[in-house]
């Protein structure tokens, strides 16, 4: 597994270098633009959503993704790369299409995202990722006050997050709401901070309104709770978690 990961890292670095040599990522108006619709069904995203993904082809397309997100889709507990395995296909397609279109700023991922050739490949790689087994371990809040933070976060979550993300953090495939249960704590904290501070331009405006008044301490607590939830889906066996 380590050899495979190293090979993918080298391959990913080569592709990234070539991609960076091309034109930089486009940058379209995000939530600050009055003409922006959070989830407009148009362009390659719409086409990809209509297509049935081929997991066999998607596995090959995912190889460049595995350099960062790991072959297992487990991501990294330090929050640099999210856990992807088992995520809704609709969410995966939307986020990749938004990055490719310049609606979400992600300079690290952009060179990899643009290697996908067409809507069919977007559908294929999303189907492959969604079908990966769920890693048994992920990054959680590990402070001495973990129990207190999780309890505070649970109260906040049930007040304002449960309606969209579900009682168990399972999200909603039809509404493009992501699974957040089982996501790395540091990634959750980073993303919610960026959404609150207006740095994630493709964020759902409804969520922006909810999260805008949150203090840093509140974001820590709610991230601690969300990362404590068990992600729904088929869990990996002990030897296939990709860790």
C-alpha atoms as a PDB file:
ATOM      1  CA  UNK A   1       0.000   0.000   0.000  1.00  0.00           C
ATOM      2  CA  UNK A   2       2.843   2.404   0.800  1.00  0.00           C
ATOM      3  CA  UNK A   3       4.428   1.688  -2.569  1.00  0.00           C
ATOM      4  CA  UNK A   4       1.122   2.312  -4.338  1.00  0.00           C
ATOM      5  CA  UNK A   5       0.644   5.561  -2.450  1.00  0.00           C
ATOM      6  CA  UNK A   6       4.166   6.712  -3.361  1.00  0.00           C
ATOM      7  CA  UNK A   7       3.613   5.878  -7.016  1.00  0.00           C
ATOM      8  CA  UNK A   8       0.357   7.844  -7.028  1.00  0.00           C
ATOM      9  CA  UNK A   9       2.013  10.770  -5.292  1.00  0.00           C
ATOM     10  CA  UNK A  10       4.712  10.900  -7.976  1.00  0.00           C
ATOM     11  CA  UNK A  11       2.104  10.599 -10.727  1.00  0.00           C
ATOM     12  CA  UNK A  12      -0.032  13.287  -9.096  1.00  0.00           C
ATOM     13  CA  UNK A  13       2.907  15.640  -8.755  1.00  0.00           C
ATOM     14  CA  UNK A  14       3.766  15.206 -12.438  1.00  0.00           C
ATOM     15  CA  UNK A  15       0.210  15.929 -13.523  1.00  0.00           C
ATOM     16  CA  UNK A  16      -0.026  18.905 -11.167  1.00  0.00           C
ATOM     17  CA  UNK A  17       3.153  20.359 -12.610  1.00  0.00           C
ATOM     18  CA  UNK A  18       1.778  20.046 -16.131  1.00  0.00           C
ATOM     19  CA  UNK A  19      -1.569  21.501 -15.108  1.00  0.00           C
ATOM     20  CA  UNK A  20      -0.001  24.486 -13.339  1.00  0.00           C
ATOM     21  CA  UNK A  21       1.875  25.225 -16.529  1.00  0.00           C
ATOM     22  CA  UNK A  22      -1.489  25.824 -18.180  1.00  0.00           C
ATOM     23  CA  UNK A  23      -3.816  28.745 -17.539  1.00  0.00           C
ATOM     24  CA  UNK A  24      -4.646  29.338 -13.850  1.00  0.00           C
ATOM     25  CA  UNK A  25      -8.004  28.353 -12.396  1.00  0.00           C
ATOM     26  CA  UNK A  26     -10.877  30.562 -13.518  1.00  0.00           C
ATOM     27  CA  UNK A  27     -12.680  32.597 -10.889  1.00  0.00           C
ATOM     28  CA  UNK A  28     -16.377  33.251 -11.292  1.00  0.00           C
ATOM     29  CA  UNK A  29     -18.621  35.204  -8.948  1.00  0.00           C
ATOM     30  CA  UNK A  30     -19.537  33.256  -5.819  1.00  0.00           C
ATOM     31  CA  UNK A  31     -21.956  33.934  -2.997  1.00  0.00           C
ATOM     32  CA  UNK A  32     -21.078  37.622  -3.065  1.00  0.00           C
ATOM     33  CA  UNK A  33     -22.459  37.910  -6.598  1.00  0.00           C
ATOM     34  CA  UNK A  34     -26.157  38.738  -6.974  1.00  0.00           C
ATOM     35  CA  UNK A  35     -26.253  36.662 -10.137  1.00  0.00           C
ATOM     36  CA  UNK A  36     -25.015  33.500  -8.419  1.00  0.00           C
ATOM     37  CA  UNK A  37     -27.336  30.565  -7.818  1.00  0.00           C
ATOM     38  CA  UNK A  38     -25.860  28.163  -5.289  1.00  0.00           C
ATOM     39  CA  UNK A  39     -26.809  24.990  -7.100  1.00  0.00           C
ATOM     40  CA  UNK A  40     -27.751  25.991 -10.629  1.00  0.00           C
ATOM     41  CA  UNK A  41     -28.383  22.890 -12.735  1.00  0.00           C
ATOM     42  CA  UNK A  42     -26.363  23.761 -15.798  1.00  0.00           C
ATOM     43  CA  UNK A  43     -23.231  22.991 -17.772  1.00  0.00           C
ATOM     44  CA  UNK A  44     -21.134  19.899 -17.202  1.00  0.00           C
ATOM     45  CA  UNK A  45     -22.555  19.434 -13.711  1.00  0.00           C
ATOM     46  CA  UNK A  46     -26.044  18.950 -15.112  1.00  0.00           C
ATOM     47  CA  UNK A  47     -24.734  16.569 -17.755  1.00  0.00           C
ATOM     48  CA  UNK A  48     -22.772  14.523 -15.212  1.00  0.00           C
ATOM     49  CA  UNK A  49     -25.769  14.242 -12.893  1.00  0.00           C
ATOM     50  CA  UNK A  50     -27.806  12.699 -15.719  1.00  0.00           C
ATOM     51  CA  UNK A  51     -25.219  10.016 -16.412  1.00  0.00           C
ATOM     52  CA  UNK A  52     -24.740   6.625 -14.789  1.00  0.00           C
ATOM     53  CA  UNK A  53     -21.237   6.397 -13.405  1.00  0.00           C
ATOM     54  CA  UNK A  54     -19.025   3.455 -14.324  1.00  0.00           C
ATOM     55  CA  UNK A  55     -17.048   2.433 -11.230  1.00  0.00           C
ATOM     56  CA  UNK A  56     -14.452   0.490 -13.221  1.00  0.00           C
ATOM     57  CA  UNK A  57     -13.583   3.532 -15.308  1.00  0.00           C
ATOM     58  CA  UNK A  58     -13.883   5.695 -12.201  1.00  0.00           C
ATOM     59  CA  UNK A  59     -11.224   3.672 -10.407  1.00  0.00           C
ATOM     60  CA  UNK A  60      -8.718   4.507 -13.116  1.00  0.00           C
ATOM     61  CA  UNK A  61      -9.690   8.194 -13.094  1.00  0.00           C
ATOM     62  CA  UNK A  62      -9.342   8.262  -9.291  1.00  0.00           C
ATOM     63  CA  UNK A  63      -5.667   7.316  -9.401  1.00  0.00           C
ATOM     64  CA  UNK A  64      -4.513  10.940  -9.502  1.00  0.00           C
ATOM     65  CA  UNK A  65      -6.888  11.758  -6.624  1.00  0.00           C
ATOM     66  CA  UNK A  66      -5.385   9.021  -4.455  1.00  0.00           C
ATOM     67  CA  UNK A  67      -2.093  10.908  -4.210  1.00  0.00           C
ATOM     68  CA  UNK A  68      -3.754  13.311  -1.761  1.00  0.00           C
ATOM     69  CA  UNK A  69      -6.974  11.626  -0.629  1.00  0.00           C
ATOM     70  CA  UNK A  70      -5.243   8.200  -0.408  1.00  0.00           C
ATOM     71  CA  UNK A  71      -6.230   5.168  -2.500  1.00  0.00           C
ATOM     72  CA  UNK A  72      -8.829   4.319   0.156  1.00  0.00           C
ATOM     73  CA  UNK A  73     -10.465   7.768  -0.016  1.00  0.00           C
ATOM     74  CA  UNK A  74      -9.697   8.198   3.681  1.00  0.00           C
ATOM     75  CA  UNK A  75      -8.147  11.648   3.318  1.00  0.00           C
ATOM     76  CA  UNK A  76      -5.818  12.942   6.029  1.00  0.00           C
ATOM     77  CA  UNK A  77      -6.624  13.556   9.721  1.00  0.00           C
ATOM     78  CA  UNK A  78      -4.588  16.782   9.725  1.00  0.00           C
ATOM     79  CA  UNK A  79      -7.423  18.394   7.751  1.00  0.00           C
ATOM     80  CA  UNK A  80      -5.506  19.058   4.555  1.00  0.00           C
ATOM     81  CA  UNK A  81      -7.605  16.621   2.514  1.00  0.00           C
ATOM     82  CA  UNK A  82     -11.130  15.430   3.380  1.00  0.00           C
ATOM     83  CA  UNK A  83     -12.361  11.880   3.795  1.00  0.00           C
ATOM     84  CA  UNK A  84     -14.217  11.143   0.531  1.00  0.00           C
ATOM     85  CA  UNK A  85     -15.177   7.462   0.663  1.00  0.00           C
ATOM     86  CA  UNK A  86     -18.948   7.002   0.786  1.00  0.00           C
ATOM     87  CA  UNK A  87     -19.791  10.646   0.056  1.00  0.00           C
ATOM     88  CA  UNK A  88     -22.920  11.312  -2.030  1.00  0.00           C
ATOM     89  CA  UNK A  89     -22.270  11.295  -5.783  1.00  0.00           C
ATOM     90  CA  UNK A  90     -24.247  14.513  -6.170  1.00  0.00           C
ATOM     91  CA  UNK A  91     -22.003  16.306  -3.689  1.00  0.00           C
ATOM     92  CA  UNK A  92     -18.840  14.997  -5.332  1.00  0.00           C
ATOM     93  CA  UNK A  93     -20.002  16.034  -8.803  1.00  0.00           C
ATOM     94  CA  UNK A  94     -21.059  19.490  -7.642  1.00  0.00           C
ATOM     95  CA  UNK A  95     -17.807  20.224  -5.832  1.00  0.00           C
ATOM     96  CA  UNK A  96     -15.584  18.999  -8.659  1.00  0.00           C
ATOM     97  CA  UNK A  97     -17.631  20.881 -11.251  1.00  0.00           C
ATOM     98  CA  UNK A  98     -17.543  24.051  -9.123  1.00  0.00           C
ATOM     99  CA  UNK A  99     -13.764  23.855  -8.774  1.00  0.00           C
ATOM    100  CA  UNK A 100     -13.365  23.284 -12.511  1.00  0.00           C
ATOM    101  CA  UNK A 101     -15.695  26.202 -13.272  1.00  0.00           C
ATOM    102  CA  UNK A 102     -14.027  28.628 -10.849  1.00  0.00           C
ATOM    103  CA  UNK A 103     -16.898  28.810  -8.369  1.00  0.00           C
ATOM    104  CA  UNK A 104     -14.887  27.237  -5.563  1.00  0.00           C
ATOM    105  CA  UNK A 105     -11.300  28.271  -4.931  1.00  0.00           C
ATOM    106  CA  UNK A 106      -9.077  25.249  -4.440  1.00  0.00           C
ATOM    107  CA  UNK A 107      -5.653  25.833  -6.056  1.00  0.00           C
ATOM    108  CA  UNK A 108      -4.366  22.499  -4.756  1.00  0.00           C
ATOM    109  CA  UNK A 109      -7.139  20.424  -6.280  1.00  0.00           C
ATOM    110  CA  UNK A 110      -7.716  22.394  -9.464  1.00  0.00           C
ATOM    111  CA  UNK A 111      -4.807  20.896 -11.442  1.00  0.00           C
ATOM    112  CA  UNK A 112      -6.126  17.418 -10.660  1.00  0.00           C
ATOM    113  CA  UNK A 113      -9.789  18.239 -11.253  1.00  0.00           C
ATOM    114  CA  UNK A 114      -9.084  19.541 -14.744  1.00  0.00           C
ATOM    115  CA  UNK A 115      -7.537  16.206 -15.758  1.00  0.00           C
ATOM    116  CA  UNK A 116     -11.060  14.744 -15.834  1.00  0.00           C
ATOM    117  CA  UNK A 117     -12.001  14.923 -19.483  1.00  0.00           C
ATOM    118  CA  UNK A 118     -15.788  15.244 -19.587  1.00  0.00           C
ATOM    119  CA  UNK A 119     -19.081  14.898 -17.642  1.00  0.00           C
ATOM    120  CA  UNK A 120     -18.959  11.108 -18.001  1.00  0.00           C
ATOM    121  CA  UNK A 121     -15.613  10.974 -16.218  1.00  0.00           C
ATOM    122  CA  UNK A 122     -16.999  13.201 -13.461  1.00  0.00           C
ATOM    123  CA  UNK A 123     -19.854  10.716 -13.031  1.00  0.00           C
ATOM    124  CA  UNK A 124     -17.472   7.735 -13.155  1.00  0.00           C
ATOM    125  CA  UNK A 125     -15.025   8.939 -10.518  1.00  0.00           C
ATOM    126  CA  UNK A 126     -17.885  10.071  -8.257  1.00  0.00           C
ATOM    127  CA  UNK A 127     -19.509   6.637  -8.499  1.00  0.00           C
ATOM    128  CA  UNK A 128     -16.208   4.984  -7.623  1.00  0.00           C
ATOM    129  CA  UNK A 129     -15.594   7.218  -4.590  1.00  0.00           C
ATOM    130  CA  UNK A 130     -19.151   6.823  -3.314  1.00  0.00           C
ATOM    131  CA  UNK A 131     -18.768   3.038  -3.438  1.00  0.00           C
ATOM    132  CA  UNK A 132     -15.562   2.882  -1.393  1.00  0.00           C
ATOM    133  CA  UNK A 133     -15.840   1.329   2.047  1.00  0.00           C
ATOM    134  CA  UNK A 134     -15.903   3.743   4.976  1.00  0.00           C
ATOM    135  CA  UNK A 135     -12.575   3.954   6.883  1.00  0.00           C
ATOM    136  CA  UNK A 136     -12.903   2.763  10.463  1.00  0.00           C
ATOM    137  CA  UNK A 137     -10.862   5.653  11.876  1.00  0.00           C
ATOM    138  CA  UNK A 138     -10.703   9.358  11.189  1.00  0.00           C
ATOM    139  CA  UNK A 139      -9.429  12.516  12.826  1.00  0.00           C
ATOM    140  CA  UNK A 140     -11.435  13.539  15.895  1.00  0.00           C
ATOM    141  CA  UNK A 141     -11.128  16.340  18.435  1.00  0.00           C
ATOM    142  CA  UNK A 142      -8.610  15.035  20.960  1.00  0.00           C
ATOM    143  CA  UNK A 143      -8.396  17.813  23.533  1.00  0.00           C
ATOM    144  CA  UNK A 144      -8.623  17.081  27.253  1.00  0.00           C
ATOM    145  CA  UNK A 145     -12.099  18.648  27.216  1.00  0.00           C
ATOM    146  CA  UNK A 146     -13.354  16.443  24.391  1.00  0.00           C
ATOM    147  CA  UNK A 147     -16.477  15.268  26.222  1.00  0.00           C
ATOM    148  CA  UNK A 148     -17.462  18.858  27.034  1.00  0.00           C
ATOM    149  CA  UNK A 149     -16.864  20.088  23.489  1.00  0.00           C
ATOM    150  CA  UNK A 150     -18.831  17.217  21.938  1.00  0.00           C
ATOM    151  CA  UNK A 151     -21.748  17.893  24.291  1.00  0.00           C
ATOM    152  CA  UNK A 152     -21.744  21.618  23.443  1.00  0.00           C
ATOM    153  CA  UNK A 153     -21.485  20.803  19.766  1.00  0.00           C
ATOM    154  CA  UNK A 154     -24.396  18.371  19.953  1.00  0.00           C
ATOM    155  CA  UNK A 155     -26.644  21.114  21.315  1.00  0.00           C
ATOM    156  CA  UNK A 156     -25.616  23.511  18.552  1.00  0.00           C
ATOM    157  CA  UNK A 157     -25.979  20.853  15.871  1.00  0.00           C
ATOM    158  CA  UNK A 158     -29.470  19.866  16.946  1.00  0.00           C
ATOM    159  CA  UNK A 159     -30.545  23.504  17.011  1.00  0.00           C
ATOM    160  CA  UNK A 160     -29.469  24.527  13.515  1.00  0.00           C
ATOM    161  CA  UNK A 161     -27.729  21.772  11.526  1.00  0.00           C
ATOM    162  CA  UNK A 162     -29.929  18.720  11.951  1.00  0.00           C
ATOM    163  CA  UNK A 163     -32.645  19.905   9.565  1.00  0.00           C
ATOM    164  CA  UNK A 164     -30.294  19.819   6.564  1.00  0.00           C
ATOM    165  CA  UNK A 165     -27.539  17.385   7.497  1.00  0.00           C
ATOM    166  CA  UNK A 166     -29.765  14.875   9.297  1.00  0.00           C
ATOM    167  CA  UNK A 167     -29.858  13.441  12.802  1.00  0.00           C
ATOM    168  CA  UNK A 168     -26.789  11.314  12.137  1.00  0.00           C
ATOM    169  CA  UNK A 169     -24.861  13.669   9.858  1.00  0.00           C
ATOM    170  CA  UNK A 170     -25.889  11.650   6.816  1.00  0.00           C
ATOM    171  CA  UNK A 171     -26.693  14.665   4.625  1.00  0.00           C
ATOM    172  CA  UNK A 172     -29.167  14.522   1.749  1.00  0.00           C
ATOM    173  CA  UNK A 173     -28.166  13.214  -1.659  1.00  0.00           C
ATOM    174  CA  UNK A 174     -31.108  14.784  -3.490  1.00  0.00           C
ATOM    175  CA  UNK A 175     -30.466  18.230  -2.008  1.00  0.00           C
ATOM    176  CA  UNK A 176     -26.650  18.064  -2.428  1.00  0.00           C
ATOM    177  CA  UNK A 177     -26.071  18.262   1.342  1.00  0.00           C
ATOM    178  CA  UNK A 178     -22.876  16.358   2.191  1.00  0.00           C
ATOM    179  CA  UNK A 179     -22.345  13.555   4.638  1.00  0.00           C
ATOM    180  CA  UNK A 180     -20.418  15.176   7.478  1.00  0.00           C
ATOM    181  CA  UNK A 181     -20.422  12.268   9.922  1.00  0.00           C
ATOM    182  CA  UNK A 182     -17.027  10.595   9.947  1.00  0.00           C
ATOM    183  CA  UNK A 183     -15.261  13.601   8.454  1.00  0.00           C
ATOM    184  CA  UNK A 184     -11.949  14.721   9.937  1.00  0.00           C
ATOM    185  CA  UNK A 185     -12.344  17.244  12.740  1.00  0.00           C
ATOM    186  CA  UNK A 186      -9.680  19.616  11.435  1.00  0.00           C
ATOM    187  CA  UNK A 187     -11.168  19.614   7.940  1.00  0.00           C
ATOM    188  CA  UNK A 188     -14.650  20.364   9.303  1.00  0.00           C
ATOM    189  CA  UNK A 189     -13.294  23.209  11.416  1.00  0.00           C
ATOM    190  CA  UNK A 190     -11.363  24.683   8.499  1.00  0.00           C
ATOM    191  CA  UNK A 191     -14.303  24.546   6.105  1.00  0.00           C
ATOM    192  CA  UNK A 192     -16.802  26.027   8.544  1.00  0.00           C
ATOM    193  CA  UNK A 193     -14.384  28.814   9.387  1.00  0.00           C
ATOM    194  CA  UNK A 194     -13.955  29.589   5.676  1.00  0.00           C
ATOM    195  CA  UNK A 195     -17.713  29.534   5.115  1.00  0.00           C
ATOM    196  CA  UNK A 196     -18.325  31.842   8.076  1.00  0.00           C
ATOM    197  CA  UNK A 197     -15.620  34.246   6.931  1.00  0.00           C
ATOM    198  CA  UNK A 198     -16.813  34.323   3.294  1.00  0.00           C
ATOM    199  CA  UNK A 199     -13.795  32.508   1.855  1.00  0.00           C
ATOM    200  CA  UNK A 200     -15.663  29.537   0.399  1.00  0.00           C
ATOM    201  CA  UNK A 201     -17.446  31.191  -2.480  1.00  0.00           C
ATOM    202  CA  UNK A 202     -19.667  28.257  -3.487  1.00  0.00           C
ATOM    203  CA  UNK A 203     -21.112  27.785  -0.008  1.00  0.00           C
ATOM    204  CA  UNK A 204     -24.850  27.385   0.410  1.00  0.00           C
ATOM    205  CA  UNK A 205     -26.169  30.887   1.295  1.00  0.00           C
ATOM    206  CA  UNK A 206     -28.572  29.338   3.806  1.00  0.00           C
ATOM    207  CA  UNK A 207     -25.638  27.833   5.677  1.00  0.00           C
ATOM    208  CA  UNK A 208     -23.715  31.079   5.491  1.00  0.00           C
ATOM    209  CA  UNK A 209     -26.568  32.838   7.286  1.00  0.00           C
ATOM    210  CA  UNK A 210     -26.689  30.181  10.000  1.00  0.00           C
ATOM    211  CA  UNK A 211     -22.966  30.030  10.623  1.00  0.00           C
ATOM    212  CA  UNK A 212     -22.144  33.738  10.328  1.00  0.00           C
ATOM    213  CA  UNK A 213     -22.749  34.536  14.043  1.00  0.00           C
ATOM    214  CA  UNK A 214     -20.739  31.546  15.312  1.00  0.00           C
ATOM    215  CA  UNK A 215     -17.666  32.279  17.420  1.00  0.00           C
ATOM    216  CA  UNK A 216     -14.444  30.320  17.032  1.00  0.00           C
ATOM    217  CA  UNK A 217     -15.303  28.380  20.204  1.00  0.00           C
ATOM    218  CA  UNK A 218     -18.686  27.438  18.786  1.00  0.00           C
ATOM    219  CA  UNK A 219     -17.077  26.194  15.579  1.00  0.00           C
ATOM    220  CA  UNK A 220     -14.653  24.051  17.577  1.00  0.00           C
ATOM    221  CA  UNK A 221     -17.514  22.493  19.530  1.00  0.00           C
ATOM    222  CA  UNK A 222     -19.726  21.765  16.553  1.00  0.00           C
ATOM    223  CA  UNK A 223     -16.802  20.334  14.586  1.00  0.00           C
ATOM    224  CA  UNK A 224     -15.926  18.122  17.556  1.00  0.00           C
ATOM    225  CA  UNK A 225     -19.472  16.771  17.628  1.00  0.00           C
ATOM    226  CA  UNK A 226     -19.765  16.227  13.891  1.00  0.00           C
ATOM    227  CA  UNK A 227     -16.480  14.343  13.772  1.00  0.00           C
ATOM    228  CA  UNK A 228     -17.690  12.101  16.607  1.00  0.00           C
ATOM    229  CA  UNK A 229     -20.586  10.806  14.494  1.00  0.00           C
ATOM    230  CA  UNK A 230     -20.317   7.492  12.677  1.00  0.00           C
ATOM    231  CA  UNK A 231     -20.540   7.837   8.913  1.00  0.00           C
ATOM    232  CA  UNK A 232     -23.333   5.751   7.373  1.00  0.00           C
ATOM    233  CA  UNK A 233     -22.434   3.046   4.874  1.00  0.00           C
ATOM    234  CA  UNK A 234     -20.341  -0.106   4.543  1.00  0.00           C
ATOM    235  CA  UNK A 235     -17.399   0.067   6.931  1.00  0.00           C
ATOM    236  CA  UNK A 236     -13.998  -1.199   5.848  1.00  0.00           C
ATOM    237  CA  UNK A 237     -12.501  -4.348   7.234  1.00  0.00           C
ATOM    238  CA  UNK A 238      -9.557  -3.929   9.591  1.00  0.00           C
ATOM    239  CA  UNK A 239      -7.016  -4.533   6.807  1.00  0.00           C
ATOM    240  CA  UNK A 240      -8.674  -2.404   4.094  1.00  0.00           C
ATOM    241  CA  UNK A 241      -9.167   0.946   5.796  1.00  0.00           C
ATOM    242  CA  UNK A 242      -6.267   2.437   3.824  1.00  0.00           C
ATOM    243  CA  UNK A 243      -4.518   3.819   6.877  1.00  0.00           C
END
